[in-house]
C-alpha atoms as a PDB file:
ATOM      1  CA  MET A   1      98.827 110.571  93.194  1.00  0.00           C
ATOM      2  CA  LEU A   2     100.920 108.187  95.294  1.00  0.00           C
ATOM      3  CA  GLU A   3      97.810 106.962  97.115  1.00  0.00           C
ATOM      4  CA  SER A   4      96.291 105.757  93.844  1.00  0.00           C
ATOM      5  CA  LEU A   5      99.433 103.789  92.952  1.00  0.00           C
ATOM      6  CA  ILE A   6     100.141 102.417  96.422  1.00  0.00           C
ATOM      7  CA  THR A   7      97.055 101.534  98.413  1.00  0.00           C
ATOM      8  CA  SER A   8      98.825 100.805 101.694  1.00  0.00           C
ATOM      9  CA  ARG A   9      99.079 103.982 103.782  1.00  0.00           C
ATOM     10  CA  ALA A  10     101.748 102.325 105.926  1.00  0.00           C
ATOM     11  CA  ARG A  11     103.868 101.599 102.833  1.00  0.00           C
ATOM     12  CA  ILE A  12     103.567 105.204 101.673  1.00  0.00           C
ATOM     13  CA  LYS A  13     104.673 106.418 105.107  1.00  0.00           C
ATOM     14  CA  LEU A  14     107.635 104.031 105.041  1.00  0.00           C
ATOM     15  CA  LEU A  15     108.680 105.138 101.557  1.00  0.00           C
ATOM     16  CA  LEU A  16     108.511 108.777 102.647  1.00  0.00           C
ATOM     17  CA  LYS A  17     110.434 108.023 105.822  1.00  0.00           C
ATOM     18  CA  PHE A  18     113.290 106.190 104.150  1.00  0.00           C
ATOM     19  CA  PHE A  19     113.458 107.789 100.701  1.00  0.00           C
ATOM     20  CA  LEU A  20     113.166 111.484 101.611  1.00  0.00           C
ATOM     21  CA  ASN A  21     116.399 111.144 103.567  1.00  0.00           C
ATOM     22  CA  PRO A  22     118.212 107.850 102.969  1.00  0.00           C
ATOM     23  CA  GLU A  23     120.385 108.463 106.029  1.00  0.00           C
ATOM     24  CA  THR A  24     117.322 107.705 108.166  1.00  0.00           C
ATOM     25  CA  HIS A  25     117.546 104.592 110.350  1.00  0.00           C
ATOM     26  CA  ALA A  26     114.502 103.274 112.200  1.00  0.00           C
ATOM     27  CA  TYR A  27     113.167 100.181 113.900  1.00  0.00           C
ATOM     28  CA  LEU A  28     109.725  98.564 114.046  1.00  0.00           C
ATOM     29  CA  ARG A  29     108.325  99.875 117.349  1.00  0.00           C
ATOM     30  CA  GLU A  30     109.615 103.384 116.695  1.00  0.00           C
ATOM     31  CA  LEU A  31     107.901 103.420 113.289  1.00  0.00           C
ATOM     32  CA  ALA A  32     104.622 101.995 114.613  1.00  0.00           C
ATOM     33  CA  LYS A  33     104.516 104.678 117.310  1.00  0.00           C
ATOM     34  CA  GLU A  34     105.472 107.488 114.916  1.00  0.00           C
ATOM     35  CA  PHE A  35     102.872 106.468 112.313  1.00  0.00           C
ATOM     36  CA  GLY A  36     100.148 105.559 114.803  1.00  0.00           C
ATOM     37  CA  GLU A  37      99.828 102.157 113.131  1.00  0.00           C
ATOM     38  CA  SER A  38      99.875  98.629 114.501  1.00  0.00           C
ATOM     39  CA  SER A  39     103.295  97.020 114.728  1.00  0.00           C
ATOM     40  CA  ASN A  40     101.954  94.015 112.765  1.00  0.00           C
ATOM     41  CA  GLY A  41     100.961  96.211 109.812  1.00  0.00           C
ATOM     42  CA  ILE A  42     104.307  98.001 109.852  1.00  0.00           C
ATOM     43  CA  ARG A  43     106.179  94.678 110.179  1.00  0.00           C
ATOM     44  CA  LEU A  44     104.406  93.296 107.078  1.00  0.00           C
ATOM     45  CA  GLU A  45     105.308  96.364 105.026  1.00  0.00           C
ATOM     46  CA  LEU A  46     108.901  96.419 106.291  1.00  0.00           C
ATOM     47  CA  ASN A  47     109.249  92.756 105.349  1.00  0.00           C
ATOM     48  CA  ARG A  48     107.840  93.385 101.864  1.00  0.00           C
ATOM     49  CA  LEU A  49     110.182  96.310 101.261  1.00  0.00           C
ATOM     50  CA  ALA A  50     113.153  94.355 102.645  1.00  0.00           C
ATOM     51  CA  GLU A  51     112.293  91.304 100.485  1.00  0.00           C
ATOM     52  CA  ALA A  52     112.206  93.616  97.452  1.00  0.00           C
ATOM     53  CA  LYS A  53     115.639  94.821  98.627  1.00  0.00           C
ATOM     54  CA  LEU A  54     114.399  98.429  98.744  1.00  0.00           C
ATOM     55  CA  LEU A  55     115.302  98.492 102.445  1.00  0.00           C
ATOM     56  CA  ARG A  56     118.349  97.091 104.182  1.00  0.00           C
ATOM     57  CA  SER A  57     118.015  95.629 107.647  1.00  0.00           C
ATOM     58  CA  GLU A  58     120.663  95.164 110.276  1.00  0.00           C
ATOM     59  CA  ASN A  59     120.485  93.544 113.692  1.00  0.00           C
ATOM     60  CA  GLU A  60     121.555  95.719 116.590  1.00  0.00           C
ATOM     61  CA  GLY A  61     121.230  93.357 119.510  1.00  0.00           C
ATOM     62  CA  ARG A  62     117.620  92.207 119.559  1.00  0.00           C
ATOM     63  CA  THR A  63     116.454  95.136 117.445  1.00  0.00           C
ATOM     64  CA  VAL A  64     116.290  95.143 113.648  1.00  0.00           C
ATOM     65  CA  VAL A  65     117.138  98.562 112.201  1.00  0.00           C
ATOM     66  CA  TYR A  66     116.011  99.482 108.683  1.00  0.00           C
ATOM     67  CA  GLN A  67     117.437 101.935 106.140  1.00  0.00           C
ATOM     68  CA  ALA A  68     116.901 102.659 102.441  1.00  0.00           C
ATOM     69  CA  ASN A  69     119.027 100.561 100.125  1.00  0.00           C
ATOM     70  CA  THR A  70     120.749 103.288  98.107  1.00  0.00           C
ATOM     71  CA  ALA A  71     122.424 100.644  95.917  1.00  0.00           C
ATOM     72  CA  HIS A  72     119.070  99.347  94.592  1.00  0.00           C
ATOM     73  CA  SER A  73     118.597 100.016  90.892  1.00  0.00           C
ATOM     74  CA  PHE A  74     115.238 101.729  91.558  1.00  0.00           C
ATOM     75  CA  PHE A  75     116.471 103.854  94.480  1.00  0.00           C
ATOM     76  CA  ARG A  76     116.792 107.131  92.524  1.00  0.00           C
ATOM     77  CA  ASP A  77     113.501 106.560  90.721  1.00  0.00           C
ATOM     78  CA  ILE A  78     111.583 105.942  93.933  1.00  0.00           C
ATOM     79  CA  GLN A  79     113.303 108.883  95.593  1.00  0.00           C
ATOM     80  CA  ARG A  80     112.258 111.162  92.699  1.00  0.00           C
ATOM     81  CA  VAL A  81     108.638 109.998  92.979  1.00  0.00           C
ATOM     82  CA  VAL A  82     108.642 110.593  96.743  1.00  0.00           C
ATOM     83  CA  GLN A  83     110.199 114.038  96.321  1.00  0.00           C
ATOM     84  CA  LYS A  84     107.663 114.967  93.647  1.00  0.00           C
ATOM     85  CA  TYR A  85     104.880 113.766  95.955  1.00  0.00           C
ATOM     86  CA  VAL A  86     106.185 116.004  98.742  1.00  0.00           C
ATOM     87  CA  GLY A  87     106.936 118.895  96.360  1.00  0.00           C
ATOM     88  CA  ILE A  88     110.686 119.265  96.867  1.00  0.00           C
ATOM     89  CA  ASP A  89     111.246 119.523  93.114  1.00  0.00           C
ATOM     90  CA  ARG A  90     108.799 122.462  92.938  1.00  0.00           C
ATOM     91  CA  LEU A  91     110.391 124.039  95.998  1.00  0.00           C
ATOM     92  CA  VAL A  92     113.764 124.219  94.267  1.00  0.00           C
ATOM     93  CA  GLU A  93     112.301 125.332  90.951  1.00  0.00           C
ATOM     94  CA  GLU A  94     109.874 127.942  92.283  1.00  0.00           C
ATOM     95  CA  VAL A  95     111.595 129.266  95.374  1.00  0.00           C
ATOM     96  CA  VAL A  96     115.374 129.010  95.332  1.00  0.00           C
ATOM     97  CA  ASN A  97     116.037 129.877  91.689  1.00  0.00           C
ATOM     98  CA  GLN A  98     114.203 133.241  91.833  1.00  0.00           C
ATOM     99  CA  LEU A  99     115.382 134.734  95.108  1.00  0.00           C
ATOM    100  CA  GLY A 100     118.636 136.541  94.563  1.00  0.00           C
ATOM    101  CA  GLU A 101     122.047 135.610  95.949  1.00  0.00           C
ATOM    102  CA  VAL A 102     121.286 132.269  97.580  1.00  0.00           C
ATOM    103  CA  GLU A 103     124.425 130.337  98.551  1.00  0.00           C
ATOM    104  CA  ALA A 104     122.633 127.218  99.794  1.00  0.00           C
ATOM    105  CA  ALA A 105     119.176 125.890 100.588  1.00  0.00           C
ATOM    106  CA  TYR A 106     118.427 123.145 103.099  1.00  0.00           C
ATOM    107  CA  ILE A 107     115.346 121.342 104.276  1.00  0.00           C
ATOM    108  CA  THR A 108     115.493 120.710 108.007  1.00  0.00           C
ATOM    109  CA  GLY A 109     113.083 119.408 110.620  1.00  0.00           C
ATOM    110  CA  ASP A 110     110.496 116.708 109.950  1.00  0.00           C
ATOM    111  CA  TYR A 111     111.080 116.330 106.214  1.00  0.00           C
ATOM    112  CA  ALA A 112     114.817 115.886 106.729  1.00  0.00           C
ATOM    113  CA  LYS A 113     113.857 113.046 109.075  1.00  0.00           C
ATOM    114  CA  GLY A 114     111.516 111.537 106.485  1.00  0.00           C
ATOM    115  CA  ILE A 115     108.289 112.613 108.176  1.00  0.00           C
ATOM    116  CA  ASP A 116     105.563 114.079 105.964  1.00  0.00           C
ATOM    117  CA  SER A 117     104.171 116.460 108.589  1.00  0.00           C
ATOM    118  CA  GLY A 118     102.837 119.062 106.176  1.00  0.00           C
ATOM    119  CA  LEU A 119     105.355 121.705 107.342  1.00  0.00           C
ATOM    120  CA  ILE A 120     108.571 122.136 105.361  1.00  0.00           C
ATOM    121  CA  ASP A 121     111.336 124.004 107.178  1.00  0.00           C
ATOM    122  CA  LEU A 122     113.480 125.720 104.554  1.00  0.00           C
ATOM    123  CA  VAL A 123     116.816 127.317 105.488  1.00  0.00           C
ATOM    124  CA  LEU A 124     118.208 129.741 102.914  1.00  0.00           C
ATOM    125  CA  VAL A 125     121.768 131.032 103.223  1.00  0.00           C
ATOM    126  CA  GLY A 126     122.598 134.318 101.486  1.00  0.00           C
ATOM    127  CA  LYS A 127     120.878 137.541 100.474  1.00  0.00           C
ATOM    128  CA  VAL A 128     117.248 137.095  99.532  1.00  0.00           C
ATOM    129  CA  ASN A 129     114.617 139.424  98.121  1.00  0.00           C
ATOM    130  CA  GLN A 130     111.982 139.080 100.869  1.00  0.00           C
ATOM    131  CA  SER A 131     108.976 140.084  98.742  1.00  0.00           C
ATOM    132  CA  VAL A 132     109.914 137.547  96.045  1.00  0.00           C
ATOM    133  CA  LEU A 133     110.395 134.931  98.774  1.00  0.00           C
ATOM    134  CA  ASP A 134     106.988 135.647 100.305  1.00  0.00           C
ATOM    135  CA  LYS A 135     105.222 135.365  96.931  1.00  0.00           C
ATOM    136  CA  ALA A 136     107.115 132.216  95.937  1.00  0.00           C
ATOM    137  CA  VAL A 137     106.445 130.544  99.301  1.00  0.00           C
ATOM    138  CA  THR A 138     102.726 131.342  99.088  1.00  0.00           C
ATOM    139  CA  LYS A 139     102.447 130.077  95.498  1.00  0.00           C
ATOM    140  CA  THR A 140     104.523 126.936  96.063  1.00  0.00           C
ATOM    141  CA  SER A 141     102.729 126.119  99.331  1.00  0.00           C
ATOM    142  CA  GLN A 142      99.401 126.131  97.499  1.00  0.00           C
ATOM    143  CA  VAL A 143     100.717 123.953  94.679  1.00  0.00           C
ATOM    144  CA  ILE A 144     102.380 121.318  96.890  1.00  0.00           C
ATOM    145  CA  LYS A 145      99.687 121.523  99.603  1.00  0.00           C
ATOM    146  CA  ARG A 146     102.254 121.896 102.381  1.00  0.00           C
ATOM    147  CA  LYS A 147     103.210 124.883 104.504  1.00  0.00           C
ATOM    148  CA  ILE A 148     106.719 126.200 103.881  1.00  0.00           C
ATOM    149  CA  ARG A 149     108.459 127.936 106.779  1.00  0.00           C
ATOM    150  CA  PRO A 150     111.522 129.767 105.441  1.00  0.00           C
ATOM    151  CA  LEU A 151     114.456 130.979 107.525  1.00  0.00           C
ATOM    152  CA  VAL A 152     116.927 133.300 105.810  1.00  0.00           C
ATOM    153  CA  LEU A 153     120.420 133.527 107.305  1.00  0.00           C
ATOM    154  CA  SER A 154     123.633 135.257 106.373  1.00  0.00           C
ATOM    155  CA  THR A 155     126.699 133.044 106.050  1.00  0.00           C
ATOM    156  CA  VAL A 156     127.901 134.158 109.497  1.00  0.00           C
ATOM    157  CA  GLU A 157     124.494 133.482 111.109  1.00  0.00           C
ATOM    158  CA  PHE A 158     124.330 130.109 109.375  1.00  0.00           C
ATOM    159  CA  GLU A 159     127.722 129.036 110.736  1.00  0.00           C
ATOM    160  CA  LYS A 160     126.661 130.048 114.268  1.00  0.00           C
ATOM    161  CA  LEU A 161     123.401 128.079 114.013  1.00  0.00           C
ATOM    162  CA  ARG A 162     124.725 125.092 112.002  1.00  0.00           C
ATOM    163  CA  GLU A 163     124.685 122.700 114.965  1.00  0.00           C
ATOM    164  CA  LYS A 164     121.347 123.877 116.334  1.00  0.00           C
ATOM    165  CA  LEU A 165     119.745 123.457 112.891  1.00  0.00           C
ATOM    166  CA  GLU A 166     121.183 119.927 112.682  1.00  0.00           C
ATOM    167  CA  ILE A 167     122.662 120.685 109.252  1.00  0.00           C
ATOM    168  CA  PRO A 168     124.559 117.361 109.050  1.00  0.00           C
ATOM    169  CA  HIS A 169     121.114 115.686 109.024  1.00  0.00           C
ATOM    170  CA  ALA A 170     119.460 118.254 106.741  1.00  0.00           C
ATOM    171  CA  LEU A 171     118.707 117.831 103.051  1.00  0.00           C
ATOM    172  CA  LEU A 172     120.846 120.084 100.865  1.00  0.00           C
ATOM    173  CA  ILE A 173     118.528 120.924  97.985  1.00  0.00           C
ATOM    174  CA  TRP A 174     120.552 123.668  96.329  1.00  0.00           C
ATOM    175  CA  SER A 175     124.077 125.054  96.443  1.00  0.00           C
ATOM    176  CA  ASP A 176     125.757 127.791  94.423  1.00  0.00           C
ATOM    177  CA  THR A 177     129.117 126.010  94.528  1.00  0.00           C
ATOM    178  CA  GLN A 178     127.753 123.001  92.697  1.00  0.00           C
ATOM    179  CA  PRO A 179     124.185 122.517  91.523  1.00  0.00           C
ATOM    180  CA  VAL A 180     122.464 119.856  93.587  1.00  0.00           C
ATOM    181  CA  GLU A 181     119.653 117.932  91.922  1.00  0.00           C
ATOM    182  CA  ALA A 182     116.772 117.451  94.330  1.00  0.00           C
ATOM    183  CA  GLU A 183     117.011 113.690  93.887  1.00  0.00           C
ATOM    184  CA  SER A 184     120.666 113.593  94.959  1.00  0.00           C
ATOM    185  CA  ALA A 185     120.260 116.176  97.710  1.00  0.00           C
ATOM    186  CA  ALA A 186     119.456 113.668 100.394  1.00  0.00           C
ATOM    187  CA  THR A 187     122.649 111.756  99.845  1.00  0.00           C
ATOM    188  CA  GLY A 188     124.742 114.888  99.863  1.00  0.00           C
ATOM    189  CA  SER A 189     126.264 114.081  96.464  1.00  0.00           C
END
């Protein structure tokens, strides 16, 4: 879907990188290496997105660091499109809501870093019906065309592994204390 709207593969990769997790900061050479693209192609797309004010740029010495502009009027809309493209909306709908006593659900790993690697690491905190989880993961994986790797932890286990799982950099996609819309999950609001 996104490929038919946006013909530049580099631009799609940049939108995924910055709009899946708006906390992501990156610079030109890092992005070119990560995407396996020429730095000139990435520079052109970064400039276009910065000129449209979808990305903010900041000089850190001789390096320009880019980040999503969360104040842009289209930020939430673009983030929703990116999340639908990746399948995060389906993940919440199909997986988390049917499992049992889930206290929180996080996406960690590549997707939390804005990298569309095809493998979604899902951390579920609480008591989960394993057979329902297995069926939901299989069904949702087929629909979103990405592998989902779930990890179920008790609250105690979660607290012990919080740092190792890099939870401060994870995407909170669901919480029982306050419902988190997938589109606001990345900002932690």
